[in-house]
């Protein structure tokens, strides 16, 4: 898909959220390399990696991606590095492959809590 769109010079923003785990496999075991952002340039795509837990940073990154897509008349890949706090599905018990304490820590540093801290710091 990336190859076809990059050849056609389509102004499109790809948003890839990286939740750190598939259903039970940590990202380190899912693929070789450093996330999906490193694949963008190989397809002729500008790439932006952003902290997916920081709502304002994501907003800013997508805004920049739009600017690049329109001005460069090509696709832009935005990789939002985040953490999946919930289970992968209703049949998944993520406590079998990651510590409950880890999930509790991410509940504090991510999501709505992170947005509140970000807004407080920037107002």
Foldseek 3Di string as FASTA:
>chain_A
DLQVQQVVLALEEAEAEDAQAAQQRGPVPVDPDDPCQVVQVVSVAAEAEEALQAVVRVVVVVVVSNVCCVVVSGYHYYYHYHHDLDHNDPVGDRCVRDPNVVSVVSVCCGDPNNHVVVVVVVD
